[in-house]
Protein backbone atom coordinates (compact mmCIF):
# COMPACT_ATOMS: atom_id res chain seq x y z
CA MET A 1 12.65 10.78 31.57
CA ARG A 2 13.43 9.06 28.27
CA TYR A 3 16.80 7.64 27.40
CA PRO A 4 17.85 7.69 23.75
CA SER A 5 17.96 4.33 22.06
CA GLU A 6 21.13 2.96 20.52
CA ALA A 7 19.85 3.65 17.02
CA THR A 8 16.72 5.80 16.77
CA TYR A 9 15.63 6.63 13.25
CA CYS A 10 12.55 7.00 11.10
CA PHE A 11 12.03 6.07 7.48
CA ILE A 12 10.46 9.40 6.56
CA ASP A 13 10.62 10.88 3.10
CA GLY A 14 11.61 14.50 3.50
CA ALA A 15 12.32 14.30 7.24
CA SER A 16 13.30 17.62 8.78
CA LEU A 17 16.99 17.22 9.48
CA GLU A 18 19.97 19.52 9.41
CA PRO A 19 21.76 19.16 6.08
CA LEU A 20 24.57 16.66 6.40
CA GLN A 21 27.59 16.36 4.17
CA ASP A 22 27.72 12.61 3.82
CA PRO A 23 30.27 11.17 1.39
CA ARG A 24 27.85 8.39 0.44
CA ILE A 25 25.31 10.78 -1.12
CA GLY A 26 25.32 10.36 -4.87
CA THR A 27 27.21 7.07 -4.78
CA LEU A 28 26.00 3.83 -6.31
CA LEU A 29 25.42 0.89 -4.00
CA SER A 30 25.86 -2.64 -5.40
CA GLY A 31 25.27 -1.35 -8.90
CA ARG A 32 21.59 -0.82 -8.14
CA TYR A 33 20.86 1.88 -5.55
CA VAL A 34 21.74 5.56 -5.84
CA ILE A 35 22.08 7.20 -2.41
CA GLU A 36 20.14 10.49 -2.40
CA ASP A 37 19.94 11.85 1.15
CA VAL A 38 20.35 11.15 4.85
CA ILE A 39 17.05 10.63 6.66
CA GLY A 40 18.19 9.26 10.02
CA GLU A 41 21.27 8.55 12.06
CA GLY A 42 22.14 6.39 15.06
CA GLY A 43 25.10 4.83 16.75
CA MET A 44 24.80 1.56 14.85
CA ALA A 45 23.67 2.70 11.41
CA THR A 46 22.73 5.57 9.11
CA VAL A 47 19.52 5.48 7.09
CA TYR A 48 19.43 7.02 3.62
CA ARG A 49 16.76 7.74 1.11
CA ALA A 50 17.82 6.04 -2.11
CA ARG A 51 16.47 5.02 -5.48
CA HIS A 52 16.68 1.71 -7.27
CA LYS A 53 18.47 2.66 -10.47
CA LEU A 54 16.88 0.07 -12.74
CA VAL A 55 13.24 0.18 -11.61
CA ASP A 56 13.18 3.78 -10.34
CA ARG A 57 11.84 2.69 -6.94
CA PRO A 58 12.31 4.95 -3.87
CA VAL A 59 13.67 2.95 -0.95
CA ALA A 60 15.30 3.38 2.45
CA VAL A 61 18.81 2.00 2.83
CA LYS A 62 20.21 1.30 6.28
CA ILE A 63 24.02 1.08 6.27
CA MET A 64 25.98 -0.13 9.27
CA ASN A 65 28.50 2.18 10.86
CA PRO A 66 31.88 1.18 9.35
CA MET A 67 33.44 1.29 12.83
CA LEU A 68 31.18 -1.59 13.85
CA ALA A 69 31.68 -3.64 10.69
CA VAL A 70 34.84 -5.24 12.12
CA ASP A 71 32.81 -6.97 14.85
CA PRO A 72 31.49 -10.28 13.43
CA VAL A 73 28.75 -10.50 16.07
CA VAL A 74 27.42 -7.04 15.23
CA ARG A 75 27.58 -7.81 11.51
CA GLU A 76 25.68 -11.04 12.02
CA ARG A 77 23.06 -9.33 14.18
CA PHE A 78 22.62 -6.68 11.47
CA ARG A 79 22.23 -9.40 8.83
CA ARG A 80 19.67 -11.22 10.94
CA GLU A 81 17.63 -8.04 11.26
CA ALA A 82 17.01 -8.22 7.53
CA ARG A 83 16.40 -11.95 7.53
CA SER A 84 14.01 -11.85 10.48
CA ALA A 85 11.88 -8.98 9.17
CA GLN A 86 11.87 -10.29 5.59
CA MET A 87 10.72 -13.73 6.67
CA LEU A 88 7.72 -12.35 8.59
CA ALA A 89 5.99 -10.84 5.51
CA HIS A 90 3.16 -9.05 7.32
CA PRO A 91 1.31 -5.79 6.51
CA ASN A 92 2.24 -4.39 9.93
CA ILE A 93 5.96 -5.18 9.67
CA ILE A 94 8.31 -3.15 7.49
CA GLU A 95 9.10 -4.89 4.21
CA ILE A 96 12.71 -5.75 3.40
CA PHE A 97 13.72 -5.77 -0.26
CA ASP A 98 17.43 -6.52 -0.22
CA GLN A 99 20.60 -6.82 1.84
CA GLY A 100 24.33 -7.08 1.23
CA ASP A 101 27.70 -5.48 1.88
CA THR A 102 29.19 -2.24 0.61
CA GLU A 103 32.67 -2.01 -0.91
CA ASP A 104 34.12 -0.86 2.43
CA GLY A 105 32.72 -3.96 4.15
CA SER A 106 29.71 -2.38 5.86
CA SER A 107 26.46 -4.30 5.77
CA PHE A 108 23.33 -2.69 4.36
CA ILE A 109 19.58 -3.39 4.33
CA VAL A 110 17.19 -2.06 1.69
CA MET A 111 13.60 -1.57 2.85
CA GLU A 112 10.43 0.24 1.94
CA LEU A 113 10.48 4.00 2.36
CA LEU A 114 7.73 4.96 4.78
CA HIS A 115 5.88 8.26 4.95
CA GLY A 116 4.56 9.37 8.33
CA GLU A 117 5.92 9.55 11.86
CA SER A 118 6.98 7.31 14.69
CA LEU A 119 4.56 6.49 17.50
CA ALA A 120 6.96 8.31 19.84
CA VAL A 121 6.37 11.58 17.95
CA SER A 122 2.60 11.09 18.18
CA ILE A 123 2.75 10.36 21.93
CA ARG A 124 4.70 13.56 22.57
CA ARG A 125 1.61 15.50 21.48
CA GLY A 126 -0.45 13.92 24.26
CA PRO A 127 -2.68 10.88 24.91
CA MET A 128 -4.22 9.26 21.86
CA ASN A 129 -7.94 9.23 21.25
CA VAL A 130 -9.16 5.89 22.63
CA ASP A 131 -10.60 4.59 19.36
CA ARG A 132 -7.50 5.59 17.40
CA ALA A 133 -5.30 4.01 20.09
CA LEU A 134 -7.28 0.77 19.87
CA ASN A 135 -6.88 0.79 16.08
CA VAL A 136 -3.09 1.16 16.43
CA MET A 137 -2.86 -1.38 19.27
CA ILE A 138 -4.71 -4.00 17.22
CA GLN A 139 -2.26 -3.63 14.34
CA ILE A 140 0.75 -3.79 16.67
CA ALA A 141 -0.67 -6.96 18.23
CA ARG A 142 -1.16 -8.48 14.76
CA GLY A 143 2.43 -7.79 13.77
CA ILE A 144 3.87 -9.12 17.02
CA ALA A 145 1.63 -12.19 16.82
CA ARG A 146 3.05 -12.96 13.35
CA ALA A 147 6.62 -12.53 14.65
CA HIS A 148 5.97 -14.84 17.62
CA ASP A 149 4.19 -17.39 15.44
CA LEU A 150 7.39 -17.59 13.38
CA ASP A 151 9.56 -17.84 16.50
CA VAL A 152 10.95 -14.29 16.34
CA ILE A 153 11.07 -12.28 19.59
CA HIS A 154 11.52 -8.55 18.96
CA ARG A 155 13.19 -7.68 22.32
CA ASP A 156 13.03 -3.91 21.82
CA ILE A 157 9.39 -2.93 21.41
CA LYS A 158 8.98 0.79 22.09
CA PRO A 159 7.27 3.78 20.42
CA GLU A 160 10.41 4.67 18.45
CA ASN A 161 10.24 1.27 16.73
CA ILE A 162 6.59 1.62 15.73
CA PHE A 163 5.82 3.76 12.70
CA LEU A 164 2.49 5.30 11.73
CA CYS A 165 1.76 5.66 8.01
CA LYS A 166 -1.54 6.83 6.52
CA ARG A 167 -3.90 4.83 4.35
CA ASP A 168 -5.80 6.51 1.55
CA ASP A 169 -8.77 7.00 3.89
CA GLY A 170 -6.60 8.78 6.47
CA THR A 171 -6.51 5.97 9.02
CA ASP A 172 -3.29 4.67 10.53
CA LEU A 173 -1.28 1.88 8.99
CA VAL A 174 1.18 0.56 11.57
CA LYS A 175 4.67 -0.69 10.72
CA ILE A 176 6.90 -2.37 13.29
CA LEU A 177 10.58 -1.56 12.71
CA ASP A 178 14.05 -2.51 13.84
CA PHE A 179 14.46 -6.21 14.43
CA GLY A 180 18.17 -5.58 14.96
CA ILE A 181 18.31 -7.29 18.36
CA ALA A 182 15.50 -9.76 17.71
CA LYS A 183 15.91 -13.31 18.93
CA SER A 184 14.96 -15.99 16.43
CA GLY A 185 14.66 -19.69 17.00
CA HIS A 186 15.94 -20.17 13.44
CA TYR A 187 19.46 -19.08 14.39
CA SER A 188 22.04 -19.94 17.03
CA ARG A 189 22.54 -17.57 19.96
CA LEU A 190 24.61 -14.42 19.50
CA THR A 191 24.32 -13.34 23.12
CA GLY A 192 25.24 -15.01 26.38
CA HIS A 193 22.72 -15.88 29.05
CA GLY A 194 22.01 -12.89 31.25
CA GLU A 195 23.04 -10.24 28.71
CA LEU A 196 20.62 -7.32 28.60
CA PHE A 197 19.44 -5.91 25.29
CA GLY A 198 16.63 -3.44 24.92
CA THR A 199 15.39 -0.21 26.45
CA PRO A 200 15.02 -0.04 30.27
CA GLN A 201 11.61 1.69 30.32
CA TYR A 202 10.06 -1.26 28.43
CA MET A 203 11.96 -4.20 29.91
CA ALA A 204 10.07 -7.05 31.60
CA PRO A 205 11.07 -8.02 35.16
CA GLU A 206 12.25 -11.51 34.15
CA ARG A 207 14.63 -10.00 31.60
CA ILE A 208 16.05 -7.61 34.19
CA MET A 209 16.70 -10.67 36.37
CA GLY A 210 18.71 -12.24 33.56
CA GLY A 211 16.09 -14.52 32.06
CA ASP A 212 15.87 -15.19 28.35
CA ALA A 213 13.64 -13.00 26.20
CA THR A 214 10.33 -14.72 25.48
CA GLY A 215 7.09 -13.83 23.79
CA SER A 216 5.74 -12.83 27.19
CA SER A 217 8.54 -10.29 27.70
CA ASP A 218 7.54 -8.70 24.38
CA LEU A 219 3.96 -8.55 25.68
CA TYR A 220 5.14 -6.71 28.79
CA ALA A 221 6.82 -4.11 26.56
CA LEU A 222 3.54 -3.86 24.63
CA GLY A 223 1.79 -3.11 27.93
CA VAL A 224 4.18 -0.22 28.58
CA VAL A 225 3.64 1.12 25.05
CA PHE A 226 -0.15 0.82 25.39
CA PHE A 227 -0.03 2.63 28.75
CA GLU A 228 2.03 5.39 27.15
CA MET A 229 -0.32 5.73 24.18
CA LEU A 230 -3.32 6.22 26.47
CA THR A 231 -1.70 8.54 29.02
CA ALA A 232 1.35 10.09 27.27
CA THR A 233 3.31 8.97 30.35
CA LEU A 234 5.26 5.89 31.32
CA PRO A 235 3.80 3.64 34.05
CA PHE A 236 7.07 3.98 35.96
CA ASP A 237 9.31 7.04 36.05
CA ALA A 238 12.82 7.30 37.43
CA THR A 239 15.99 9.34 37.17
CA ASN A 240 18.39 6.43 36.65
CA LEU A 241 18.48 2.92 35.21
CA ALA A 242 18.71 1.17 38.58
CA SER A 243 15.48 2.83 39.73
CA PHE A 244 13.75 1.86 36.50
CA PHE A 245 14.79 -1.75 36.98
CA THR A 246 13.64 -1.76 40.61
CA LYS A 247 10.23 -0.33 39.76
CA HIS A 248 9.69 -2.82 36.95
CA MET A 249 10.49 -5.70 39.32
CA ILE A 250 8.62 -4.52 42.43
CA GLU A 251 6.24 -1.61 41.92
CA LEU A 252 2.70 -2.19 40.68
CA PRO A 253 1.64 -0.03 37.74
CA PRO A 254 -1.06 2.56 38.42
CA PRO A 255 -4.46 2.05 36.79
CA VAL A 256 -4.57 3.65 33.36
CA ARG A 257 -7.86 5.33 34.28
CA SER A 258 -6.11 7.14 37.15
CA ARG A 259 -4.33 9.21 34.48
CA ASN A 260 -6.96 9.11 31.71
CA PRO A 261 -10.55 8.54 32.93
CA ARG A 262 -11.79 8.26 29.32
CA VAL A 263 -10.15 4.84 28.97
CA PRO A 264 -12.76 2.04 29.26
CA GLU A 265 -12.40 -0.29 32.24
CA ALA A 266 -11.87 -3.37 30.04
CA LEU A 267 -8.92 -1.72 28.28
CA ASP A 268 -7.47 -0.54 31.59
CA ALA A 269 -7.70 -4.11 32.92
CA LEU A 270 -6.03 -5.54 29.81
CA VAL A 271 -3.11 -3.10 29.98
CA VAL A 272 -2.57 -3.72 33.69
CA LYS A 273 -2.75 -7.49 33.12
CA THR A 274 -0.15 -7.21 30.37
CA LEU A 275 2.11 -5.45 32.90
CA ALA A 276 1.90 -8.30 35.42
CA LYS A 277 5.22 -9.11 37.11
CA ASP A 278 4.76 -12.86 36.65
CA PRO A 279 4.70 -13.91 32.96
CA ASN A 280 2.07 -16.53 33.83
CA ASP A 281 -0.32 -13.76 34.87
CA ARG A 282 -0.08 -11.94 31.53
CA PRO A 283 -2.25 -12.70 28.49
CA ILE A 284 -1.35 -16.06 26.98
CA ASP A 285 0.04 -14.47 23.78
CA ALA A 286 -0.36 -11.61 21.31
CA HIS A 287 -3.31 -13.38 19.65
CA ARG A 288 -5.18 -13.16 22.97
CA ILE A 289 -4.38 -9.45 23.28
CA HIS A 290 -5.61 -8.94 19.71
CA HIS A 291 -8.83 -10.84 20.50
CA GLU A 292 -9.54 -8.75 23.60
CA LEU A 293 -8.75 -5.47 21.84
CA LEU A 294 -11.19 -6.35 19.05
CA ALA A 295 -13.86 -7.16 21.64
CA ILE A 296 -13.36 -3.75 23.31
CA LEU A 297 -13.52 -1.97 19.95
CA HIS A 298 -16.70 -3.90 19.09
CA GLN A 299 -18.29 -2.81 22.37
CA ARG A 300 -17.56 0.78 21.39
CA GLU A 301 -19.18 0.13 17.98
CA ALA A 302 -16.05 1.44 16.26
CA PRO A 303 -14.69 -0.08 13.03
CA ALA A 304 -11.68 -2.38 13.25
CA PRO A 305 -8.63 -1.82 11.04
CA PRO A 306 -8.72 -3.89 7.85
CA THR A 307 -6.85 -7.17 7.75
CA ASP A 308 -6.39 -7.52 4.00
CA ASP A 309 -4.47 -4.34 3.09
CA ASP A 310 -1.14 -5.64 1.92
CA ALA A 311 2.05 -3.90 2.85
CA PRO A 312 3.35 -1.58 0.13
CA VAL A 313 5.32 -3.81 -2.20
CA SER A 314 8.03 -3.08 -4.65
CA ASN A 315 6.98 -1.27 -7.80
CA VAL A 316 7.65 -4.18 -10.09
CA THR A 317 8.50 -2.96 -13.57
CA SER A 318 8.74 -5.08 -16.66
CA ALA A 319 12.26 -6.02 -17.67
CA ASP A 320 11.74 -4.33 -21.07
CA SER A 321 11.57 -0.91 -19.41
CA PHE A 322 14.60 -1.27 -17.13
CA GLY A 323 17.24 1.29 -18.06
CA ALA A 324 15.15 2.56 -20.98
CA ALA A 325 15.19 6.21 -19.85
CA SER A 326 18.99 6.26 -19.60
CA SER A 327 19.40 4.58 -23.00
CA ASP A 328 16.90 6.96 -24.67
CA LEU A 329 18.83 9.89 -23.24
CA TRP A 330 22.05 8.85 -24.94
CA MET A 331 20.18 8.13 -28.17
CA ARG A 332 18.74 11.66 -28.09
CA ARG A 333 22.21 13.03 -27.44
CA LEU A 334 23.57 11.11 -30.43
CA VAL A 335 20.93 12.67 -32.66
CA VAL A 336 21.85 16.15 -31.38
CA PHE A 337 25.58 15.45 -31.92
CA GLU A 338 24.96 14.42 -35.55
CA ARG A 339 22.88 17.57 -36.14
CA MET A 340 25.76 19.60 -34.75
CA LEU A 341 28.12 18.17 -37.37
CA THR A 342 25.57 18.79 -40.13
CA CYS A 343 24.98 22.36 -38.98
CA ALA A 344 28.68 23.12 -38.62
CA PHE A 345 30.06 21.37 -41.69
CA GLY A 346 27.13 20.74 -44.02
CA SER A 347 27.05 16.98 -43.30
CA LYS A 348 28.69 14.40 -41.09
CA ASP A 349 30.78 13.20 -44.06
CA LEU A 350 32.37 16.65 -44.41
CA ALA A 351 33.25 16.96 -40.73
CA PRO A 352 36.88 16.53 -39.52
CA ASP A 353 37.92 12.91 -39.15
CA ASP A 354 38.73 13.26 -35.46
CA LEU A 355 35.16 14.47 -34.72
CA THR A 356 33.48 11.77 -36.79
CA ALA A 357 35.72 9.16 -35.17
CA LEU A 358 34.74 10.44 -31.72
CA LEU A 359 31.07 10.35 -32.66
CA ASP A 360 31.36 6.82 -34.02
CA GLU A 361 33.08 5.76 -30.81
CA VAL A 362 30.28 7.36 -28.78
CA GLY A 363 27.73 5.40 -30.80
CA ARG A 364 29.63 2.17 -30.25
CA VAL A 365 29.90 2.73 -26.49
CA VAL A 366 26.21 3.70 -26.27
CA GLN A 367 25.30 0.43 -28.00
CA GLU A 368 27.61 -1.56 -25.72
CA ARG A 369 26.15 0.15 -22.69
CA LEU A 370 22.62 -0.53 -23.90
CA GLU A 371 23.43 -4.25 -24.26
CA LEU A 372 24.83 -4.31 -20.73
CA ARG A 373 21.74 -2.54 -19.41
CA ASN A 374 19.51 -5.03 -21.18
CA GLU A 375 21.41 -7.94 -19.66
CA GLY A 376 21.15 -6.30 -16.26
CA ALA A 377 17.46 -5.71 -16.85
CA LEU A 378 16.91 -9.39 -17.56
CA SER A 379 18.72 -10.29 -14.34
CA GLN A 380 16.71 -7.68 -12.45
CA GLY A 381 13.50 -9.09 -13.89
CA GLU A 382 14.58 -12.54 -12.77
CA LEU A 383 15.34 -11.18 -9.30
CA GLU A 384 11.93 -9.48 -9.14
CA GLU A 385 10.31 -12.79 -10.07
CA ILE A 386 12.27 -14.57 -7.33
CA GLU A 387 11.25 -11.94 -4.80
CA THR A 388 7.63 -12.15 -5.92
CA ARG A 389 7.67 -15.92 -5.47
CA GLY A 390 9.34 -15.50 -2.11
CA ARG A 391 6.84 -12.90 -0.94
CA GLU A 392 3.88 -14.98 -2.05
CA LYS A 393 5.20 -18.10 -0.34
CA ARG A 394 6.06 -16.21 2.84
CA THR A 395 2.59 -14.70 2.90
CA GLN A 396 0.97 -18.09 2.26
CA LEU A 397 2.94 -19.84 4.99
CA GLY A 398 2.55 -16.86 7.32
CA CYS A 399 -1.23 -16.94 6.98
CA ALA A 400 -1.24 -20.70 7.60
CA VAL A 401 0.90 -20.22 10.71
CA GLU A 402 -1.38 -17.41 11.85
CA ALA A 403 -4.47 -19.64 11.57
CA LEU A 404 -2.71 -22.33 13.59
CA GLY A 405 -1.43 -19.68 16.00
CA ILE A 406 -4.96 -18.52 16.72
CA ASP A 407 -6.01 -22.13 17.38
CA ALA A 408 -2.90 -22.63 19.52
CA SER A 409 -3.71 -19.48 21.47
CA LYS A 410 -7.17 -20.81 22.28
CA ALA A 411 -5.70 -24.21 23.16
CA LYS A 412 -3.13 -22.60 25.48
CA GLU A 413 -5.86 -20.56 27.10
CA ASP A 414 -7.81 -23.80 27.62
CA LEU A 415 -4.67 -25.47 28.99
CA ARG A 416 -4.10 -22.60 31.43
CA ALA A 417 -7.74 -22.85 32.55
CA ALA A 418 -7.43 -26.64 32.88
CA HIS A 419 -4.32 -26.25 35.05
CA GLU A 420 -6.16 -23.73 37.22
CA ALA A 421 -9.14 -26.13 37.54
CA LEU A 422 -6.77 -28.98 38.42
CA ALA A 423 -5.01 -26.88 41.03
CA HIS A 424 -8.38 -25.91 42.52
CA ALA A 425 -9.54 -29.55 42.55
CA GLU A 426 -6.26 -30.72 44.11
CA ALA A 427 -6.50 -28.07 46.81
CA ALA A 428 -10.15 -28.93 47.58
CA SER A 429 -9.32 -32.64 47.63
CA ALA A 430 -6.40 -32.02 49.98
CA ARG A 431 -8.59 -29.95 52.32
CA THR A 432 -11.24 -32.68 52.40
CA ARG A 433 -8.59 -35.33 53.10
CA ASP A 434 -7.27 -33.23 56.00
CA ASN A 435 -10.83 -32.87 57.30
CA TYR A 436 -11.32 -36.66 57.09
CA LEU A 437 -8.07 -37.25 59.01
CA SER A 438 -9.30 -34.90 61.74
CA LEU A 439 -12.67 -36.66 61.88
CA HIS A 440 -10.93 -40.03 61.93
CA LYS A 441 -9.22 -38.95 65.14
CA ASP A 442 -12.67 -38.34 66.63
CA VAL A 443 -13.65 -41.89 65.59
CA LEU A 444 -10.60 -43.31 67.32
CA PHE A 445 -11.29 -41.22 70.42
CA TRP A 446 -14.86 -42.42 70.79
CA GLU A 447 -13.91 -45.99 69.98
CA GLY A 448 -11.49 -45.79 72.89
CA ARG A 449 -14.08 -44.29 75.22
CA SER A 450 -16.72 -46.87 74.34
CA ALA A 451 -14.22 -49.75 74.30
CA PHE A 452 -16.69 -51.47 72.01
CA ALA A 453 -18.73 -52.19 75.15
CA GLU A 454 -21.50 -49.68 74.56
CA PRO A 455 -22.99 -48.35 71.27
CA TRP A 456 -22.48 -44.68 72.18
CA PRO A 457 -24.34 -42.07 70.07
CA ASP A 458 -21.13 -39.99 69.89
CA LEU A 459 -19.34 -42.93 68.26
CA SER A 460 -22.17 -43.26 65.73
CA ALA A 461 -22.00 -39.51 64.96
CA ALA A 462 -18.22 -39.70 64.52
CA TYR A 463 -18.62 -42.62 62.08
CA ARG A 464 -21.24 -40.71 60.07
CA ALA A 465 -19.14 -37.53 59.91
CA ALA A 466 -16.08 -39.51 58.79
CA ALA A 467 -18.13 -41.38 56.19
CA SER A 468 -19.48 -38.10 54.80
CA ALA A 469 -15.91 -36.76 54.60
CA VAL A 470 -14.81 -39.90 52.71
CA ASP A 471 -17.75 -39.49 50.30
CA GLU A 472 -16.83 -35.83 49.73
CA TRP A 473 -13.16 -36.75 49.31
CA ALA A 474 -14.11 -39.42 46.75
CA ALA A 475 -16.25 -36.93 44.77
CA LEU A 476 -13.47 -34.33 44.78
CA ARG A 477 -10.89 -36.91 43.81
CA ALA A 478 -13.11 -37.82 40.83
CA GLN A 479 -13.17 -34.12 39.90
CA GLU A 480 -9.41 -34.03 40.32
CA ASN A 481 -9.03 -36.98 37.96
CA GLU A 482 -11.35 -35.35 35.42
CA ALA A 483 -9.31 -32.15 35.66
CA GLN A 484 -6.12 -34.14 35.11
CA VAL A 485 -7.62 -35.72 31.99
CA ALA A 486 -8.64 -32.24 30.78
CA VAL A 487 -5.07 -31.00 31.33
CA GLU A 488 -3.65 -33.92 29.39
CA GLY A 489 -6.14 -33.41 26.55
CA ALA A 490 -5.50 -29.66 26.37
CA GLY A 491 -1.76 -30.29 26.56
CA GLN A 492 -1.98 -32.76 23.69
CA SER A 493 -3.90 -30.21 21.61
CA VAL A 494 -1.25 -27.59 22.30
CA ASN A 495 1.53 -30.05 21.42
CA ASP A 496 -0.19 -31.05 18.18
CA LEU A 497 -0.68 -27.43 17.11
CA ASP A 498 2.87 -26.49 18.13
CA PHE A 499 4.15 -29.39 16.03
CA GLN A 500 2.21 -28.19 13.00
CA ILE A 501 3.51 -24.64 13.53
CA ARG A 502 7.10 -25.92 13.78
CA GLU A 503 6.63 -27.84 10.54
CA LEU A 504 5.45 -24.69 8.78
CA ARG A 505 8.34 -22.71 10.25
CA GLY A 506 10.70 -25.35 8.91
CA ALA A 507 9.06 -25.19 5.49
CA LEU A 508 9.51 -21.42 5.48
CA ALA A 509 13.17 -21.71 6.46
CA ARG A 510 13.80 -24.26 3.70
CA HIS A 511 12.00 -22.05 1.21
CA GLU A 512 14.22 -19.09 2.09
CA GLN A 513 17.34 -21.24 1.79
CA ASP A 514 16.25 -22.42 -1.65
CA LEU A 515 15.84 -18.83 -2.82
CA ASP A 516 19.09 -17.53 -1.33
CA GLN A 517 21.33 -19.01 -3.99
CA GLU A 518 19.08 -17.79 -6.80
CA ARG A 519 19.07 -14.29 -5.29
CA ALA A 520 22.84 -14.25 -4.87
CA MET A 521 23.49 -15.21 -8.49
CA CYS A 522 21.09 -12.56 -9.83
CA ARG A 523 22.51 -9.86 -7.58
CA GLN A 524 26.06 -10.68 -8.63
CA ARG A 525 25.13 -10.39 -12.30
CA ILE A 526 23.23 -7.13 -11.74
CA GLU A 527 26.10 -5.64 -9.76
CA ALA A 528 28.67 -6.64 -12.38
CA HIS A 529 26.55 -5.29 -15.24
CA GLY A 530 25.84 -2.11 -13.31
CA LYS A 531 29.49 -1.40 -12.63
CA GLU A 532 30.45 -2.06 -16.25
CA ALA A 533 27.63 0.17 -17.49
CA ASP A 534 28.68 2.96 -15.13
CA ALA A 535 32.25 2.69 -16.35
CA LEU A 536 30.98 3.03 -19.90
CA GLU A 537 28.89 6.05 -18.91
CA THR A 538 32.00 7.70 -17.50
CA LYS A 539 33.74 6.94 -20.77
CA LEU A 540 30.82 8.47 -22.68
CA PHE A 541 31.10 11.70 -20.74
CA GLU A 542 34.83 11.83 -21.49
CA LEU A 543 34.27 11.19 -25.21
CA THR A 544 31.43 13.70 -25.54
CA THR A 545 33.43 16.32 -23.66
CA GLN A 546 36.20 15.93 -26.24
CA PHE A 547 33.62 16.01 -29.03
CA CYS A 548 31.92 19.18 -27.82
CA LYS A 549 35.01 21.18 -26.88
CA PRO A 550 35.93 22.40 -30.42
CA LEU A 551 32.28 22.92 -31.35
CA ARG A 552 31.39 25.30 -28.49
CA THR A 553 33.13 28.18 -30.30
CA ILE A 554 30.66 27.96 -33.20
CA ALA A 555 27.86 30.44 -32.51
CA GLU A 556 25.35 28.67 -34.78
CA LEU A 557 25.48 25.61 -32.50
CA ALA A 558 24.34 27.44 -29.35
CA PRO A 559 20.66 26.39 -29.79
CA LEU A 560 21.75 22.75 -30.18
CA PHE A 561 23.84 22.94 -27.01
CA LYS A 562 20.76 24.27 -25.22
CA GLU A 563 18.76 21.39 -26.69
CA LEU A 564 21.44 19.03 -25.42
CA ASP A 565 21.05 20.46 -21.93
CA VAL A 566 17.26 20.04 -22.15
CA ALA A 567 17.72 16.41 -23.25
CA ALA A 568 20.02 15.80 -20.29
CA ALA A 569 17.49 17.33 -17.91
């Protein structure tokens, strides 16, 4: 049984939905985005297909439900969704272009428009082919590893939040969506301790018990998703939330191969390990999962998904071309209007004064509108340059963090192994010490029996046994000390790498802060210019309506009116 998520939606161009009469369709958002259609709805937000007016870029716009906009916590969580995803800058994470507030106070996020389907839709058709599943799993692991490297915990990993696009060669390109309830170390808490956020079927036991979301709890959710991809079933099924929670906390997951024998044993073992109840028994991090998935794919002699295919980026257009189509349209209309006067009256100079005055006013407004569009275009070009710099820097820092994250993953794996070796050495040393204490009692016993009067063989044997136990204890204690040194060394390596990662995270946060003010100023100018230009366009339609009204009765002008319609189209 699957429970609907709070806000399930897909960024699909041309999604099959019932036609909705939404008052936002056709409206202009922030002077830049024209809303074209509804492509998804949920309790928290509605997702629209839209178009950037200046650069003619198709985008998806997610607008918060106005009923929720009055809640400052919800608004802040919505804002952080954009910030968290934008900061990650990874090919397997949806790209965020813009964010802001509508005139009615609702927050919005502008993101890339994806073509394809959610992983949930694919799973409903049945288990995935193993090689295809591995290809998708690897990309999911890469995206989650980047998020964790930058201290962002998703907290709601599930098939509905994983989107499958197609590359040119037909293979899957994975996009992780919806960081709306993500937890980021860059921000203060929005939730209290013990609050549950997420989807019950994918929730780790420690979260059900009220623990904070961690990278390991995301990995548990990944394990559920992987299980579902390979079997088209959940590892645990129940008819109510309480039963789901109980099974996640107590019941062991079935082997994947018990439901799909085609799954290789190594992949079965990895999925089951990821579903371990104790976070310490799961893979050390997403980098480790990625490493093991690649090894399994290599064993199958199947190609791995590419690592260098950048996420689709904005269609950057030169500032000179911004608004050119709209301006050319009005210039073509002006030419047609002047030909109308010539055709009707012999020349513009012989036309009635009220018509020539209207046409002159149209020309003046067209020129004023063109100047506004040019100013807006310059601001848009500046904004594109800022976003390009931001994307390049985020990618650069993200790759640096990823390299350190891979090293840190290996160091943490070494640290875990060192702790296990230390625990083993401590246990062996303790057992040998207990054995020596037992043998020492034998020494005391035979010393008492002999009373140091006779050199009894039993006393000699007890001494030798105790001495051997001391020698063994000494050797094990040396191993214990070596293991302790190894733990300290591995711990220092982990600390050093974590420090470097924190420094890069801080550099990324400072970089984003530096760009925020530049972005805000550009967006304000673009919005202001856009609104003024739209007001002038409304005025142009009013003026040209007045101009055309007396001319429509002249039969000779019918071809020019048709030409005017063609120009408008």
